[in-house]
Amino acid sequence: MKLELLVVATCPHQAAAENLLRTALADIGVATDFQVITVSDEQPEPGFAGSPTFRVEGVDLFPVGGQTAGLSCRLYRSESGLSGLPDLRALRQALKRAADRVHTGT
């Protein structure tokens, strides 16, 4: 499973996003590495919805309807309101769905 964490160079949430992703993967029993990709004007990413963005096989785990955000921070809806990171529970669920899609080929 190809897993990517897309960030901008100045993302204040990068370290927390990496830790959150490691925790979620461990919690659901998926032993895979992920690649951190720094998005810049020189290295644009189609469909990049802001930093941090979590992708599996090139698909955003939290799609925002085709919006692109440029080189900016991303906001996620959480149980406590808007946040710079998704909730751990939401990330676990998104990763499980993505892993199921990868394994079933759908």
C-alpha atoms as a PDB file:
ATOM      1  CA  MET A   1       0.000   0.000   0.000  1.00  0.00           C
ATOM      2  CA  LYS A   2       1.511   3.314  -1.093  1.00  0.00           C
ATOM      3  CA  LEU A   3       0.962   5.818   1.698  1.00  0.00           C
ATOM      4  CA  GLU A   4       1.962   9.469   1.465  1.00  0.00           C
ATOM      5  CA  LEU A   5       1.860  12.448   3.785  1.00  0.00           C
ATOM      6  CA  LEU A   6       1.952  15.691   1.814  1.00  0.00           C
ATOM      7  CA  VAL A   7       3.100  18.844   3.569  1.00  0.00           C
ATOM      8  CA  VAL A   8       4.409  22.301   2.799  1.00  0.00           C
ATOM      9  CA  ALA A   9       7.845  23.221   4.127  1.00  0.00           C
ATOM     10  CA  THR A  10       6.442  25.529   6.804  1.00  0.00           C
ATOM     11  CA  CYS A  11       3.657  23.216   8.009  1.00  0.00           C
ATOM     12  CA  PRO A  12       3.301  23.600  11.781  1.00  0.00           C
ATOM     13  CA  HIS A  13       1.486  20.246  11.933  1.00  0.00           C
ATOM     14  CA  GLN A  14       4.007  18.016  10.130  1.00  0.00           C
ATOM     15  CA  ALA A  15       5.544  16.343  13.194  1.00  0.00           C
ATOM     16  CA  ALA A  16       2.140  15.821  14.799  1.00  0.00           C
ATOM     17  CA  ALA A  17       0.735  14.465  11.507  1.00  0.00           C
ATOM     18  CA  GLU A  18       3.595  11.958  11.223  1.00  0.00           C
ATOM     19  CA  ASN A  19       3.044  10.794  14.809  1.00  0.00           C
ATOM     20  CA  LEU A  20      -0.724  10.597  14.294  1.00  0.00           C
ATOM     21  CA  LEU A  21      -0.243   8.518  11.153  1.00  0.00           C
ATOM     22  CA  ARG A  22       2.187   6.126  12.880  1.00  0.00           C
ATOM     23  CA  THR A  23      -0.262   5.704  15.767  1.00  0.00           C
ATOM     24  CA  ALA A  24      -3.224   5.073  13.475  1.00  0.00           C
ATOM     25  CA  LEU A  25      -1.293   2.510  11.430  1.00  0.00           C
ATOM     26  CA  ALA A  26      -0.171   0.678  14.578  1.00  0.00           C
ATOM     27  CA  ASP A  27      -3.705   0.766  15.998  1.00  0.00           C
ATOM     28  CA  ILE A  28      -5.193  -0.914  12.925  1.00  0.00           C
ATOM     29  CA  GLY A  29      -2.324  -3.372  12.577  1.00  0.00           C
ATOM     30  CA  VAL A  30      -0.975  -2.142   9.250  1.00  0.00           C
ATOM     31  CA  ALA A  31       2.774  -2.384   9.055  1.00  0.00           C
ATOM     32  CA  THR A  32       3.731  -0.044   6.240  1.00  0.00           C
ATOM     33  CA  ASP A  33       6.024   2.895   5.845  1.00  0.00           C
ATOM     34  CA  PHE A  34       4.880   6.184   4.450  1.00  0.00           C
ATOM     35  CA  GLN A  35       6.593   8.805   2.390  1.00  0.00           C
ATOM     36  CA  VAL A  36       6.612  12.457   3.390  1.00  0.00           C
ATOM     37  CA  ILE A  37       6.374  14.667   0.307  1.00  0.00           C
ATOM     38  CA  THR A  38       7.099  18.370   0.552  1.00  0.00           C
ATOM     39  CA  VAL A  39       4.897  20.270  -1.866  1.00  0.00           C
ATOM     40  CA  SER A  40       6.236  23.513  -3.311  1.00  0.00           C
ATOM     41  CA  ASP A  41       5.762  25.791  -6.289  1.00  0.00           C
ATOM     42  CA  GLU A  42       8.560  23.836  -7.953  1.00  0.00           C
ATOM     43  CA  GLN A  43       7.038  20.454  -7.007  1.00  0.00           C
ATOM     44  CA  PRO A  44       3.253  20.930  -7.253  1.00  0.00           C
ATOM     45  CA  GLU A  45       0.882  18.048  -6.542  1.00  0.00           C
ATOM     46  CA  PRO A  46      -2.394  17.825  -8.469  1.00  0.00           C
ATOM     47  CA  GLY A  47      -5.387  17.945  -6.162  1.00  0.00           C
ATOM     48  CA  PHE A  48      -3.314  18.988  -3.134  1.00  0.00           C
ATOM     49  CA  ALA A  49      -5.881  20.182  -0.593  1.00  0.00           C
ATOM     50  CA  GLY A  50      -3.496  21.746   1.907  1.00  0.00           C
ATOM     51  CA  SER A  51      -0.971  20.684   4.476  1.00  0.00           C
ATOM     52  CA  PRO A  52      -1.055  18.024   5.813  1.00  0.00           C
ATOM     53  CA  THR A  53      -2.772  15.746   3.297  1.00  0.00           C
ATOM     54  CA  PHE A  54      -2.934  11.975   3.807  1.00  0.00           C
ATOM     55  CA  ARG A  55      -3.057   9.845   0.632  1.00  0.00           C
ATOM     56  CA  VAL A  56      -3.229   6.121  -0.122  1.00  0.00           C
ATOM     57  CA  GLU A  57      -2.454   5.050  -3.689  1.00  0.00           C
ATOM     58  CA  GLY A  58      -2.740   8.708  -4.713  1.00  0.00           C
ATOM     59  CA  VAL A  59      -6.232   9.114  -3.242  1.00  0.00           C
ATOM     60  CA  ASP A  60      -6.849  11.736  -0.551  1.00  0.00           C
ATOM     61  CA  LEU A  61      -8.190  10.034   2.591  1.00  0.00           C
ATOM     62  CA  PHE A  62     -10.310  13.117   3.326  1.00  0.00           C
ATOM     63  CA  PRO A  63     -11.493  14.335  -0.103  1.00  0.00           C
ATOM     64  CA  VAL A  64     -12.696  17.902  -0.411  1.00  0.00           C
ATOM     65  CA  GLY A  65     -14.483  17.767  -3.747  1.00  0.00           C
ATOM     66  CA  GLY A  66     -11.659  18.594  -6.130  1.00  0.00           C
ATOM     67  CA  GLN A  67     -10.593  21.766  -4.366  1.00  0.00           C
ATOM     68  CA  THR A  68      -6.949  22.672  -4.384  1.00  0.00           C
ATOM     69  CA  ALA A  69      -5.552  24.828  -1.619  1.00  0.00           C
ATOM     70  CA  GLY A  70      -2.202  25.901  -2.942  1.00  0.00           C
ATOM     71  CA  LEU A  71       0.615  26.054  -0.425  1.00  0.00           C
ATOM     72  CA  SER A  72      -1.481  26.551   2.676  1.00  0.00           C
ATOM     73  CA  CYS A  73      -2.544  24.795   5.836  1.00  0.00           C
ATOM     74  CA  ARG A  74      -5.496  22.442   5.753  1.00  0.00           C
ATOM     75  CA  LEU A  75      -8.350  22.302   8.208  1.00  0.00           C
ATOM     76  CA  TYR A  76     -10.152  19.129   9.234  1.00  0.00           C
ATOM     77  CA  ARG A  77     -13.523  18.836  10.924  1.00  0.00           C
ATOM     78  CA  SER A  78     -13.072  17.156  14.271  1.00  0.00           C
ATOM     79  CA  GLU A  79     -15.288  16.363  17.221  1.00  0.00           C
ATOM     80  CA  SER A  80     -14.041  19.550  18.891  1.00  0.00           C
ATOM     81  CA  GLY A  81     -14.402  21.776  15.807  1.00  0.00           C
ATOM     82  CA  LEU A  82     -11.900  22.687  13.116  1.00  0.00           C
ATOM     83  CA  SER A  83      -8.353  21.431  13.564  1.00  0.00           C
ATOM     84  CA  GLY A  84      -5.074  21.234  11.662  1.00  0.00           C
ATOM     85  CA  LEU A  85      -5.249  17.431  11.927  1.00  0.00           C
ATOM     86  CA  PRO A  86      -7.996  14.834  11.624  1.00  0.00           C
ATOM     87  CA  ASP A  87      -9.121  12.987  14.731  1.00  0.00           C
ATOM     88  CA  LEU A  88      -7.266   9.738  15.378  1.00  0.00           C
ATOM     89  CA  ARG A  89     -10.541   7.817  15.087  1.00  0.00           C
ATOM     90  CA  ALA A  90     -11.316   9.401  11.699  1.00  0.00           C
ATOM     91  CA  LEU A  91      -7.815   8.656  10.406  1.00  0.00           C
ATOM     92  CA  ARG A  92      -8.062   5.020  11.545  1.00  0.00           C
ATOM     93  CA  GLN A  93     -11.390   4.620   9.741  1.00  0.00           C
ATOM     94  CA  ALA A  94     -10.084   6.261   6.564  1.00  0.00           C
ATOM     95  CA  LEU A  95      -6.983   4.059   6.570  1.00  0.00           C
ATOM     96  CA  LYS A  96      -9.090   0.908   7.086  1.00  0.00           C
ATOM     97  CA  ARG A  97     -11.351   1.847   4.155  1.00  0.00           C
ATOM     98  CA  ALA A  98      -8.334   2.568   1.955  1.00  0.00           C
ATOM     99  CA  ALA A  99      -6.624  -0.695   2.926  1.00  0.00           C
ATOM    100  CA  ASP A 100      -9.816  -2.597   2.101  1.00  0.00           C
ATOM    101  CA  ARG A 101     -10.001  -0.871  -1.319  1.00  0.00           C
ATOM    102  CA  VAL A 102      -6.369  -1.752  -2.032  1.00  0.00           C
ATOM    103  CA  HIS A 103      -6.832  -5.395  -1.026  1.00  0.00           C
ATOM    104  CA  THR A 104     -10.078  -5.867  -2.936  1.00  0.00           C
ATOM    105  CA  GLY A 105      -8.959  -3.831  -5.934  1.00  0.00           C
ATOM    106  CA  THR A 106     -11.991  -1.549  -5.920  1.00  0.00           C
END
